[in-house]
Amino acid sequence: TLPVLLLGDEGGVHVVARELPELLRVLAS
């Protein structure tokens, strides 16, 4: 239920989902 971040290999740190199930929906896209 915790947020998911994306840590960019060329820089950048961003919130990409409010929780893991939300990230799974993004991945399924």
mmCIF file of all heavy atoms, coordinates in Angstrom:
data_MODEL
# 
_entry.id   MODEL 
# 
loop_
_atom_site.group_PDB 
_atom_site.id 
_atom_site.type_symbol 
_atom_site.label_atom_id 
_atom_site.label_alt_id 
_atom_site.label_comp_id 
_atom_site.label_asym_id 
_atom_site.label_entity_id 
_atom_site.label_seq_id 
_atom_site.pdbx_PDB_ins_code 
_atom_site.Cartn_x 
_atom_site.Cartn_y 
_atom_site.Cartn_z 
_atom_site.occupancy 
_atom_site.B_iso_or_equiv 
_atom_site.pdbx_formal_charge 
_atom_site.auth_seq_id 
_atom_site.auth_comp_id 
_atom_site.auth_asym_id 
_atom_site.auth_atom_id 
_atom_site.pdbx_PDB_model_num 
ATOM 1   N N   . THR A 1 1  ? 0.816  -1.219 0.000   1.00 0.00 ? 1  THR A N   1 
ATOM 2   C CA  . THR A 1 1  ? 0.000  0.000  0.000   1.00 0.00 ? 1  THR A CA  1 
ATOM 3   C C   . THR A 1 1  ? 0.847  1.264  0.000   1.00 0.00 ? 1  THR A C   1 
ATOM 4   O O   . THR A 1 1  ? 0.305  2.371  0.017   1.00 0.00 ? 1  THR A O   1 
ATOM 5   C CB  . THR A 1 1  ? -0.952 0.038  1.210   1.00 0.00 ? 1  THR A CB  1 
ATOM 6   O OG1 . THR A 1 1  ? -0.182 0.121  2.413   1.00 0.00 ? 1  THR A OG1 1 
ATOM 7   C CG2 . THR A 1 1  ? -1.855 -1.197 1.249   1.00 0.00 ? 1  THR A CG2 1 
ATOM 8   N N   . LEU A 1 2  ? 2.166  1.108  -0.028  1.00 0.00 ? 2  LEU A N   1 
ATOM 9   C CA  . LEU A 1 2  ? 3.067  2.261  -0.068  1.00 0.00 ? 2  LEU A CA  1 
ATOM 10  C C   . LEU A 1 2  ? 3.322  2.699  -1.506  1.00 0.00 ? 2  LEU A C   1 
ATOM 11  O O   . LEU A 1 2  ? 3.207  1.903  -2.439  1.00 0.00 ? 2  LEU A O   1 
ATOM 12  C CB  . LEU A 1 2  ? 4.384  1.909  0.619   1.00 0.00 ? 2  LEU A CB  1 
ATOM 13  C CG  . LEU A 1 2  ? 4.305  1.785  2.137   1.00 0.00 ? 2  LEU A CG  1 
ATOM 14  C CD1 . LEU A 1 2  ? 5.533  1.070  2.686   1.00 0.00 ? 2  LEU A CD1 1 
ATOM 15  C CD2 . LEU A 1 2  ? 4.147  3.156  2.775   1.00 0.00 ? 2  LEU A CD2 1 
ATOM 16  N N   . PRO A 1 3  ? 3.706  3.959  -1.705  1.00 0.00 ? 3  PRO A N   1 
ATOM 17  C CA  . PRO A 1 3  ? 3.974  4.461  -3.054  1.00 0.00 ? 3  PRO A CA  1 
ATOM 18  C C   . PRO A 1 3  ? 5.165  3.770  -3.711  1.00 0.00 ? 3  PRO A C   1 
ATOM 19  O O   . PRO A 1 3  ? 6.059  3.241  -3.041  1.00 0.00 ? 3  PRO A O   1 
ATOM 20  C CB  . PRO A 1 3  ? 4.289  5.946  -2.831  1.00 0.00 ? 3  PRO A CB  1 
ATOM 21  C CG  . PRO A 1 3  ? 3.768  6.272  -1.489  1.00 0.00 ? 3  PRO A CG  1 
ATOM 22  C CD  . PRO A 1 3  ? 3.824  5.009  -0.690  1.00 0.00 ? 3  PRO A CD  1 
ATOM 23  N N   . VAL A 1 4  ? 5.161  3.824  -5.041  1.00 0.00 ? 4  VAL A N   1 
ATOM 24  C CA  . VAL A 1 4  ? 6.247  3.265  -5.844  1.00 0.00 ? 4  VAL A CA  1 
ATOM 25  C C   . VAL A 1 4  ? 6.952  4.413  -6.553  1.00 0.00 ? 4  VAL A C   1 
ATOM 26  O O   . VAL A 1 4  ? 6.312  5.309  -7.105  1.00 0.00 ? 4  VAL A O   1 
ATOM 27  C CB  . VAL A 1 4  ? 5.713  2.252  -6.879  1.00 0.00 ? 4  VAL A CB  1 
ATOM 28  C CG1 . VAL A 1 4  ? 6.845  1.717  -7.749  1.00 0.00 ? 4  VAL A CG1 1 
ATOM 29  C CG2 . VAL A 1 4  ? 4.980  1.109  -6.181  1.00 0.00 ? 4  VAL A CG2 1 
ATOM 30  N N   . LEU A 1 5  ? 8.287  4.378  -6.502  1.00 0.00 ? 5  LEU A N   1 
ATOM 31  C CA  . LEU A 1 5  ? 9.119  5.375  -7.169  1.00 0.00 ? 5  LEU A CA  1 
ATOM 32  C C   . LEU A 1 5  ? 9.810  4.745  -8.363  1.00 0.00 ? 5  LEU A C   1 
ATOM 33  O O   . LEU A 1 5  ? 10.085 3.536  -8.370  1.00 0.00 ? 5  LEU A O   1 
ATOM 34  C CB  . LEU A 1 5  ? 10.200 5.913  -6.223  1.00 0.00 ? 5  LEU A CB  1 
ATOM 35  C CG  . LEU A 1 5  ? 9.774  6.522  -4.897  1.00 0.00 ? 5  LEU A CG  1 
ATOM 36  C CD1 . LEU A 1 5  ? 11.011 6.968  -4.103  1.00 0.00 ? 5  LEU A CD1 1 
ATOM 37  C CD2 . LEU A 1 5  ? 8.809  7.669  -5.105  1.00 0.00 ? 5  LEU A CD2 1 
ATOM 38  N N   . LEU A 1 6  ? 10.151 5.587  -9.327  1.00 0.00 ? 6  LEU A N   1 
ATOM 39  C CA  . LEU A 1 6  ? 11.015 5.195  -10.431 1.00 0.00 ? 6  LEU A CA  1 
ATOM 40  C C   . LEU A 1 6  ? 12.297 5.992  -10.284 1.00 0.00 ? 6  LEU A C   1 
ATOM 41  O O   . LEU A 1 6  ? 12.272 7.227  -10.236 1.00 0.00 ? 6  LEU A O   1 
ATOM 42  C CB  . LEU A 1 6  ? 10.357 5.500  -11.778 1.00 0.00 ? 6  LEU A CB  1 
ATOM 43  C CG  . LEU A 1 6  ? 11.197 5.220  -13.028 1.00 0.00 ? 6  LEU A CG  1 
ATOM 44  C CD1 . LEU A 1 6  ? 11.596 3.757  -13.118 1.00 0.00 ? 6  LEU A CD1 1 
ATOM 45  C CD2 . LEU A 1 6  ? 10.424 5.626  -14.267 1.00 0.00 ? 6  LEU A CD2 1 
ATOM 46  N N   . LEU A 1 7  ? 13.417 5.288  -10.145 1.00 0.00 ? 7  LEU A N   1 
ATOM 47  C CA  . LEU A 1 7  ? 14.735 5.905  -10.044 1.00 0.00 ? 7  LEU A CA  1 
ATOM 48  C C   . LEU A 1 7  ? 15.390 5.769  -11.416 1.00 0.00 ? 7  LEU A C   1 
ATOM 49  O O   . LEU A 1 7  ? 15.691 4.659  -11.861 1.00 0.00 ? 7  LEU A O   1 
ATOM 50  C CB  . LEU A 1 7  ? 15.595 5.198  -8.993  1.00 0.00 ? 7  LEU A CB  1 
ATOM 51  C CG  . LEU A 1 7  ? 14.975 4.969  -7.616  1.00 0.00 ? 7  LEU A CG  1 
ATOM 52  C CD1 . LEU A 1 7  ? 15.951 4.229  -6.710  1.00 0.00 ? 7  LEU A CD1 1 
ATOM 53  C CD2 . LEU A 1 7  ? 14.535 6.271  -6.983  1.00 0.00 ? 7  LEU A CD2 1 
ATOM 54  N N   . GLY A 1 8  ? 15.565 6.892  -12.087 1.00 0.00 ? 8  GLY A N   1 
ATOM 55  C CA  . GLY A 1 8  ? 16.090 6.869  -13.437 1.00 0.00 ? 8  GLY A CA  1 
ATOM 56  C C   . GLY A 1 8  ? 17.574 6.587  -13.496 1.00 0.00 ? 8  GLY A C   1 
ATOM 57  O O   . GLY A 1 8  ? 18.347 7.138  -12.708 1.00 0.00 ? 8  GLY A O   1 
ATOM 58  N N   . ASP A 1 9  ? 17.980 5.751  -14.438 1.00 0.00 ? 9  ASP A N   1 
ATOM 59  C CA  . ASP A 1 9  ? 19.397 5.425  -14.592 1.00 0.00 ? 9  ASP A CA  1 
ATOM 60  C C   . ASP A 1 9  ? 20.181 6.618  -15.139 1.00 0.00 ? 9  ASP A C   1 
ATOM 61  O O   . ASP A 1 9  ? 21.392 6.681  -14.981 1.00 0.00 ? 9  ASP A O   1 
ATOM 62  C CB  . ASP A 1 9  ? 19.591 4.205  -15.492 1.00 0.00 ? 9  ASP A CB  1 
ATOM 63  C CG  . ASP A 1 9  ? 19.064 4.424  -16.889 1.00 0.00 ? 9  ASP A CG  1 
ATOM 64  O OD1 . ASP A 1 9  ? 17.838 4.548  -17.050 1.00 0.00 ? 9  ASP A OD1 1 
ATOM 65  O OD2 . ASP A 1 9  ? 19.877 4.444  -17.831 1.00 0.00 ? 9  ASP A OD2 1 
ATOM 66  N N   . GLU A 1 10 ? 19.511 7.570  -15.768 1.00 0.00 ? 10 GLU A N   1 
ATOM 67  C CA  . GLU A 1 10 ? 20.185 8.777  -16.259 1.00 0.00 ? 10 GLU A CA  1 
ATOM 68  C C   . GLU A 1 10 ? 19.764 9.996  -15.446 1.00 0.00 ? 10 GLU A C   1 
ATOM 69  O O   . GLU A 1 10 ? 19.950 11.127 -15.885 1.00 0.00 ? 10 GLU A O   1 
ATOM 70  C CB  . GLU A 1 10 ? 19.867 8.980  -17.742 1.00 0.00 ? 10 GLU A CB  1 
ATOM 71  C CG  . GLU A 1 10 ? 20.467 7.898  -18.604 1.00 0.00 ? 10 GLU A CG  1 
ATOM 72  C CD  . GLU A 1 10 ? 20.261 8.150  -20.081 1.00 0.00 ? 10 GLU A CD  1 
ATOM 73  O OE1 . GLU A 1 10 ? 20.029 9.307  -20.479 1.00 0.00 ? 10 GLU A OE1 1 
ATOM 74  O OE2 . GLU A 1 10 ? 20.350 7.179  -20.836 1.00 0.00 ? 10 GLU A OE2 1 
ATOM 75  N N   . GLY A 1 11 ? 19.205 9.764  -14.286 1.00 0.00 ? 11 GLY A N   1 
ATOM 76  C CA  . GLY A 1 11 ? 18.761 10.838 -13.411 1.00 0.00 ? 11 GLY A CA  1 
ATOM 77  C C   . GLY A 1 11 ? 17.251 10.874 -13.311 1.00 0.00 ? 11 GLY A C   1 
ATOM 78  O O   . GLY A 1 11 ? 16.532 10.348 -14.150 1.00 0.00 ? 11 GLY A O   1 
ATOM 79  N N   . GLY A 1 12 ? 16.809 11.495 -12.260 1.00 0.00 ? 12 GLY A N   1 
ATOM 80  C CA  . GLY A 1 12 ? 15.383 11.620 -12.028 1.00 0.00 ? 12 GLY A CA  1 
ATOM 81  C C   . GLY A 1 12 ? 14.881 10.608 -11.017 1.00 0.00 ? 12 GLY A C   1 
ATOM 82  O O   . GLY A 1 12 ? 15.254 9.436  -11.054 1.00 0.00 ? 12 GLY A O   1 
ATOM 83  N N   . VAL A 1 13 ? 14.089 11.090 -10.094 1.00 0.00 ? 13 VAL A N   1 
ATOM 84  C CA  . VAL A 1 13 ? 13.420 10.263 -9.100  1.00 0.00 ? 13 VAL A CA  1 
ATOM 85  C C   . VAL A 1 13 ? 11.976 10.746 -9.092  1.00 0.00 ? 13 VAL A C   1 
ATOM 86  O O   . VAL A 1 13 ? 11.726 11.931 -8.856  1.00 0.00 ? 13 VAL A O   1 
ATOM 87  C CB  . VAL A 1 13 ? 14.042 10.415 -7.692  1.00 0.00 ? 13 VAL A CB  1 
ATOM 88  C CG1 . VAL A 1 13 ? 13.319 9.541  -6.692  1.00 0.00 ? 13 VAL A CG1 1 
ATOM 89  C CG2 . VAL A 1 13 ? 15.529 10.100 -7.712  1.00 0.00 ? 13 VAL A CG2 1 
ATOM 90  N N   . HIS A 1 14 ? 11.040 9.825  -9.356  1.00 0.00 ? 14 HIS A N   1 
ATOM 91  C CA  . HIS A 1 14 ? 9.646  10.231 -9.501  1.00 0.00 ? 14 HIS A CA  1 
ATOM 92  C C   . HIS A 1 14 ? 8.698  9.234  -8.856  1.00 0.00 ? 14 HIS A C   1 
ATOM 93  O O   . HIS A 1 14 ? 8.933  8.024  -8.901  1.00 0.00 ? 14 HIS A O   1 
ATOM 94  C CB  . HIS A 1 14 ? 9.290  10.347 -10.987 1.00 0.00 ? 14 HIS A CB  1 
ATOM 95  C CG  . HIS A 1 14 ? 10.177 11.289 -11.723 1.00 0.00 ? 14 HIS A CG  1 
ATOM 96  N ND1 . HIS A 1 14 ? 9.987  12.649 -11.693 1.00 0.00 ? 14 HIS A ND1 1 
ATOM 97  C CD2 . HIS A 1 14 ? 11.272 11.074 -12.484 1.00 0.00 ? 14 HIS A CD2 1 
ATOM 98  C CE1 . HIS A 1 14 ? 10.923 13.230 -12.412 1.00 0.00 ? 14 HIS A CE1 1 
ATOM 99  N NE2 . HIS A 1 14 ? 11.730 12.299 -12.896 1.00 0.00 ? 14 HIS A NE2 1 
ATOM 100 N N   . VAL A 1 15 ? 7.598  9.754  -8.310  1.00 0.00 ? 15 VAL A N   1 
ATOM 101 C CA  . VAL A 1 15 ? 6.497  8.917  -7.855  1.00 0.00 ? 15 VAL A CA  1 
ATOM 102 C C   . VAL A 1 15 ? 5.760  8.455  -9.107  1.00 0.00 ? 15 VAL A C   1 
ATOM 103 O O   . VAL A 1 15 ? 5.390  9.272  -9.948  1.00 0.00 ? 15 VAL A O   1 
ATOM 104 C CB  . VAL A 1 15 ? 5.530  9.708  -6.943  1.00 0.00 ? 15 VAL A CB  1 
ATOM 105 C CG1 . VAL A 1 15 ? 4.343  8.839  -6.539  1.00 0.00 ? 15 VAL A CG1 1 
ATOM 106 C CG2 . VAL A 1 15 ? 6.240  10.250 -5.717  1.00 0.00 ? 15 VAL A CG2 1 
ATOM 107 N N   . VAL A 1 16 ? 5.552  7.137  -9.246  1.00 0.00 ? 16 VAL A N   1 
ATOM 108 C CA  . VAL A 1 16 ? 4.838  6.623  -10.418 1.00 0.00 ? 16 VAL A CA  1 
ATOM 109 C C   . VAL A 1 16 ? 3.540  5.906  -10.065 1.00 0.00 ? 16 VAL A C   1 
ATOM 110 O O   . VAL A 1 16 ? 2.729  5.635  -10.942 1.00 0.00 ? 16 VAL A O   1 
ATOM 111 C CB  . VAL A 1 16 ? 5.723  5.720  -11.300 1.00 0.00 ? 16 VAL A CB  1 
ATOM 112 C CG1 . VAL A 1 16 ? 6.831  6.530  -11.950 1.00 0.00 ? 16 VAL A CG1 1 
ATOM 113 C CG2 . VAL A 1 16 ? 6.283  4.546  -10.533 1.00 0.00 ? 16 VAL A CG2 1 
ATOM 114 N N   . ALA A 1 17 ? 3.335  5.594  -8.784  1.00 0.00 ? 17 ALA A N   1 
ATOM 115 C CA  . ALA A 1 17 ? 2.091  4.938  -8.365  1.00 0.00 ? 17 ALA A CA  1 
ATOM 116 C C   . ALA A 1 17 ? 1.881  5.165  -6.874  1.00 0.00 ? 17 ALA A C   1 
ATOM 117 O O   . ALA A 1 17 ? 2.845  5.249  -6.116  1.00 0.00 ? 17 ALA A O   1 
ATOM 118 C CB  . ALA A 1 17 ? 2.143  3.442  -8.668  1.00 0.00 ? 17 ALA A CB  1 
ATOM 119 N N   . ARG A 1 18 ? 0.630  5.247  -6.482  1.00 0.00 ? 18 ARG A N   1 
ATOM 120 C CA  . ARG A 1 18 ? 0.294  5.443  -5.061  1.00 0.00 ? 18 ARG A CA  1 
ATOM 121 C C   . ARG A 1 18 ? 0.473  4.171  -4.259  1.00 0.00 ? 18 ARG A C   1 
ATOM 122 O O   . ARG A 1 18 ? 0.609  4.216  -3.044  1.00 0.00 ? 18 ARG A O   1 
ATOM 123 C CB  . ARG A 1 18 ? -1.141 5.943  -4.928  1.00 0.00 ? 18 ARG A CB  1 
ATOM 124 C CG  . ARG A 1 18 ? -1.319 7.360  -5.429  1.00 0.00 ? 18 ARG A CG  1 
ATOM 125 C CD  . ARG A 1 18 ? -2.768 7.746  -5.440  1.00 0.00 ? 18 ARG A CD  1 
ATOM 126 N NE  . ARG A 1 18 ? -3.346 7.240  -6.669  1.00 0.00 ? 18 ARG A NE  1 
ATOM 127 C CZ  . ARG A 1 18 ? -4.158 7.929  -7.440  1.00 0.00 ? 18 ARG A CZ  1 
ATOM 128 N NH1 . ARG A 1 18 ? -4.542 9.138  -7.099  1.00 0.00 ? 18 ARG A NH1 1 
ATOM 129 N NH2 . ARG A 1 18 ? -4.611 7.408  -8.550  1.00 0.00 ? 18 ARG A NH2 1 
ATOM 130 N N   . GLU A 1 19 ? 0.458  3.014  -4.957  1.00 0.00 ? 19 GLU A N   1 
ATOM 131 C CA  . GLU A 1 19 ? 0.589  1.704  -4.321  1.00 0.00 ? 19 GLU A CA  1 
ATOM 132 C C   . GLU A 1 19 ? 0.973  0.679  -5.377  1.00 0.00 ? 19 GLU A C   1 
ATOM 133 O O   . GLU A 1 19 ? 0.874  0.937  -6.575  1.00 0.00 ? 19 GLU A O   1 
ATOM 134 C CB  . GLU A 1 19 ? -0.724 1.311  -3.646  1.00 0.00 ? 19 GLU A CB  1 
ATOM 135 C CG  . GLU A 1 19 ? -1.863 1.207  -4.645  1.00 0.00 ? 19 GLU A CG  1 
ATOM 136 C CD  . GLU A 1 19 ? -3.190 0.818  -4.016  1.00 0.00 ? 19 GLU A CD  1 
ATOM 137 O OE1 . GLU A 1 19 ? -3.274 0.731  -2.786  1.00 0.00 ? 19 GLU A OE1 1 
ATOM 138 O OE2 . GLU A 1 19 ? -4.126 0.563  -4.786  1.00 0.00 ? 19 GLU A OE2 1 
ATOM 139 N N   . LEU A 1 20 ? 1.405  -0.479 -4.934  1.00 0.00 ? 20 LEU A N   1 
ATOM 140 C CA  . LEU A 1 20 ? 1.859  -1.515 -5.850  1.00 0.00 ? 20 LEU A CA  1 
ATOM 141 C C   . LEU A 1 20 ? 0.786  -1.954 -6.854  1.00 0.00 ? 20 LEU A C   1 
ATOM 142 O O   . LEU A 1 20 ? 1.092  -2.075 -8.049  1.00 0.00 ? 20 LEU A O   1 
ATOM 143 C CB  . LEU A 1 20 ? 2.406  -2.715 -5.066  1.00 0.00 ? 20 LEU A CB  1 
ATOM 144 C CG  . LEU A 1 20 ? 3.032  -3.810 -5.909  1.00 0.00 ? 20 LEU A CG  1 
ATOM 145 C CD1 . LEU A 1 20 ? 4.206  -3.296 -6.726  1.00 0.00 ? 20 LEU A CD1 1 
ATOM 146 C CD2 . LEU A 1 20 ? 3.454  -4.962 -5.023  1.00 0.00 ? 20 LEU A CD2 1 
ATOM 147 N N   . PRO A 1 21 ? -0.462 -2.211 -6.452  1.00 0.00 ? 21 PRO A N   1 
ATOM 148 C CA  . PRO A 1 21 ? -1.457 -2.599 -7.460  1.00 0.00 ? 21 PRO A CA  1 
ATOM 149 C C   . PRO A 1 21 ? -1.617 -1.560 -8.575  1.00 0.00 ? 21 PRO A C   1 
ATOM 150 O O   . PRO A 1 21 ? -1.836 -1.928 -9.732  1.00 0.00 ? 21 PRO A O   1 
ATOM 151 C CB  . PRO A 1 21 ? -2.754 -2.755 -6.646  1.00 0.00 ? 21 PRO A CB  1 
ATOM 152 C CG  . PRO A 1 21 ? -2.277 -3.119 -5.275  1.00 0.00 ? 21 PRO A CG  1 
ATOM 153 C CD  . PRO A 1 21 ? -1.015 -2.308 -5.093  1.00 0.00 ? 21 PRO A CD  1 
ATOM 154 N N   . GLU A 1 22 ? -1.462 -0.295 -8.245  1.00 0.00 ? 22 GLU A N   1 
ATOM 155 C CA  . GLU A 1 22 ? -1.539 0.738  -9.269  1.00 0.00 ? 22 GLU A CA  1 
ATOM 156 C C   . GLU A 1 22 ? -0.369 0.607  -10.256 1.00 0.00 ? 22 GLU A C   1 
ATOM 157 O O   . GLU A 1 22 ? -0.546 0.764  -11.463 1.00 0.00 ? 22 GLU A O   1 
ATOM 158 C CB  . GLU A 1 22 ? -1.542 2.115  -8.596  1.00 0.00 ? 22 GLU A CB  1 
ATOM 159 C CG  . GLU A 1 22 ? -1.988 3.233  -9.481  1.00 0.00 ? 22 GLU A CG  1 
ATOM 160 C CD  . GLU A 1 22 ? -2.230 4.507  -8.707  1.00 0.00 ? 22 GLU A CD  1 
ATOM 161 O OE1 . GLU A 1 22 ? -1.237 5.114  -8.238  1.00 0.00 ? 22 GLU A OE1 1 
ATOM 162 O OE2 . GLU A 1 22 ? -3.406 4.900  -8.577  1.00 0.00 ? 22 GLU A OE2 1 
ATOM 163 N N   . LEU A 1 23 ? 0.824  0.304  -9.756  1.00 0.00 ? 23 LEU A N   1 
ATOM 164 C CA  . LEU A 1 23 ? 1.954  0.088  -10.650 1.00 0.00 ? 23 LEU A CA  1 
ATOM 165 C C   . LEU A 1 23 ? 1.702  -1.113 -11.558 1.00 0.00 ? 23 LEU A C   1 
ATOM 166 O O   . LEU A 1 23 ? 2.033  -1.069 -12.744 1.00 0.00 ? 23 LEU A O   1 
ATOM 167 C CB  . LEU A 1 23 ? 3.265  -0.119 -9.888  1.00 0.00 ? 23 LEU A CB  1 
ATOM 168 C CG  . LEU A 1 23 ? 4.449  -0.424 -10.822 1.00 0.00 ? 23 LEU A CG  1 
ATOM 169 C CD1 . LEU A 1 23 ? 4.836  0.815  -11.626 1.00 0.00 ? 23 LEU A CD1 1 
ATOM 170 C CD2 . LEU A 1 23 ? 5.626  -0.961 -10.056 1.00 0.00 ? 23 LEU A CD2 1 
ATOM 171 N N   . LEU A 1 24 ? 1.108  -2.163 -11.035 1.00 0.00 ? 24 LEU A N   1 
ATOM 172 C CA  . LEU A 1 24 ? 0.817  -3.336 -11.862 1.00 0.00 ? 24 LEU A CA  1 
ATOM 173 C C   . LEU A 1 24 ? -0.087 -2.956 -13.028 1.00 0.00 ? 24 LEU A C   1 
ATOM 174 O O   . LEU A 1 24 ? 0.087  -3.452 -14.145 1.00 0.00 ? 24 LEU A O   1 
ATOM 175 C CB  . LEU A 1 24 ? 0.189  -4.449 -11.021 1.00 0.00 ? 24 LEU A CB  1 
ATOM 176 C CG  . LEU A 1 24 ? 1.078  -5.045 -9.929  1.00 0.00 ? 24 LEU A CG  1 
ATOM 177 C CD1 . LEU A 1 24 ? 0.318  -6.091 -9.136  1.00 0.00 ? 24 LEU A CD1 1 
ATOM 178 C CD2 . LEU A 1 24 ? 2.363  -5.606 -10.488 1.00 0.00 ? 24 LEU A CD2 1 
ATOM 179 N N   . ARG A 1 25 ? -1.034 -2.058 -12.805 1.00 0.00 ? 25 ARG A N   1 
ATOM 180 C CA  . ARG A 1 25 ? -1.906 -1.577 -13.885 1.00 0.00 ? 25 ARG A CA  1 
ATOM 181 C C   . ARG A 1 25 ? -1.096 -0.792 -14.923 1.00 0.00 ? 25 ARG A C   1 
ATOM 182 O O   . ARG A 1 25 ? -1.337 -0.902 -16.120 1.00 0.00 ? 25 ARG A O   1 
ATOM 183 C CB  . ARG A 1 25 ? -3.024 -0.699 -13.320 1.00 0.00 ? 25 ARG A CB  1 
ATOM 184 C CG  . ARG A 1 25 ? -4.001 -1.470 -12.440 1.00 0.00 ? 25 ARG A CG  1 
ATOM 185 C CD  . ARG A 1 25 ? -5.177 -0.604 -11.990 1.00 0.00 ? 25 ARG A CD  1 
ATOM 186 N NE  . ARG A 1 25 ? -5.907 -0.154 -13.177 1.00 0.00 ? 25 ARG A NE  1 
ATOM 187 C CZ  . ARG A 1 25 ? -6.153 1.127  -13.461 1.00 0.00 ? 25 ARG A CZ  1 
ATOM 188 N NH1 . ARG A 1 25 ? -5.769 2.090  -12.645 1.00 0.00 ? 25 ARG A NH1 1 
ATOM 189 N NH2 . ARG A 1 25 ? -6.820 1.454  -14.564 1.00 0.00 ? 25 ARG A NH2 1 
ATOM 190 N N   . VAL A 1 26 ? -0.140 0.020  -14.445 1.00 0.00 ? 26 VAL A N   1 
ATOM 191 C CA  . VAL A 1 26 ? 0.728  0.771  -15.360 1.00 0.00 ? 26 VAL A CA  1 
ATOM 192 C C   . VAL A 1 26 ? 1.561  -0.210 -16.194 1.00 0.00 ? 26 VAL A C   1 
ATOM 193 O O   . VAL A 1 26 ? 1.670  -0.065 -17.411 1.00 0.00 ? 26 VAL A O   1 
ATOM 194 C CB  . VAL A 1 26 ? 1.629  1.759  -14.580 1.00 0.00 ? 26 VAL A CB  1 
ATOM 195 C CG1 . VAL A 1 26 ? 2.731  2.321  -15.452 1.00 0.00 ? 26 VAL A CG1 1 
ATOM 196 C CG2 . VAL A 1 26 ? 0.790  2.883  -13.975 1.00 0.00 ? 26 VAL A CG2 1 
ATOM 197 N N   . LEU A 1 27 ? 2.133  -1.211 -15.552 1.00 0.00 ? 27 LEU A N   1 
ATOM 198 C CA  . LEU A 1 27 ? 2.938  -2.199 -16.264 1.00 0.00 ? 27 LEU A CA  1 
ATOM 199 C C   . LEU A 1 27 ? 2.113  -2.934 -17.317 1.00 0.00 ? 27 LEU A C   1 
ATOM 200 O O   . LEU A 1 27 ? 2.591  -3.190 -18.417 1.00 0.00 ? 27 LEU A O   1 
ATOM 201 C CB  . LEU A 1 27 ? 3.534  -3.212 -15.284 1.00 0.00 ? 27 LEU A CB  1 
ATOM 202 C CG  . LEU A 1 27 ? 4.546  -2.695 -14.277 1.00 0.00 ? 27 LEU A CG  1 
ATOM 203 C CD1 . LEU A 1 27 ? 4.913  -3.796 -13.293 1.00 0.00 ? 27 LEU A CD1 1 
ATOM 204 C CD2 . LEU A 1 27 ? 5.773  -2.141 -14.967 1.00 0.00 ? 27 LEU A CD2 1 
ATOM 205 N N   . ALA A 1 28 ? 0.876  -3.248 -16.982 1.00 0.00 ? 28 ALA A N   1 
ATOM 206 C CA  . ALA A 1 28 ? 0.010  -3.986 -17.906 1.00 0.00 ? 28 ALA A CA  1 
ATOM 207 C C   . ALA A 1 28 ? -0.329 -3.179 -19.152 1.00 0.00 ? 28 ALA A C   1 
ATOM 208 O O   . ALA A 1 28 ? -0.746 -3.746 -20.158 1.00 0.00 ? 28 ALA A O   1 
ATOM 209 C CB  . ALA A 1 28 ? -1.263 -4.429 -17.186 1.00 0.00 ? 28 ALA A CB  1 
ATOM 210 N N   . SER A 1 29 ? -0.123 -1.872 -19.104 1.00 0.00 ? 29 SER A N   1 
ATOM 211 C CA  . SER A 1 29 ? -0.391 -1.045 -20.286 1.00 0.00 ? 29 SER A CA  1 
ATOM 212 C C   . SER A 1 29 ? 0.547  -1.406 -21.439 1.00 0.00 ? 29 SER A C   1 
ATOM 213 O O   . SER A 1 29 ? 0.255  -1.104 -22.590 1.00 0.00 ? 29 SER A O   1 
ATOM 214 C CB  . SER A 1 29 ? -0.238 0.448  -19.954 1.00 0.00 ? 29 SER A CB  1 
ATOM 215 O OG  . SER A 1 29 ? 1.136  0.805  -19.827 1.00 0.00 ? 29 SER A OG  1 
# 
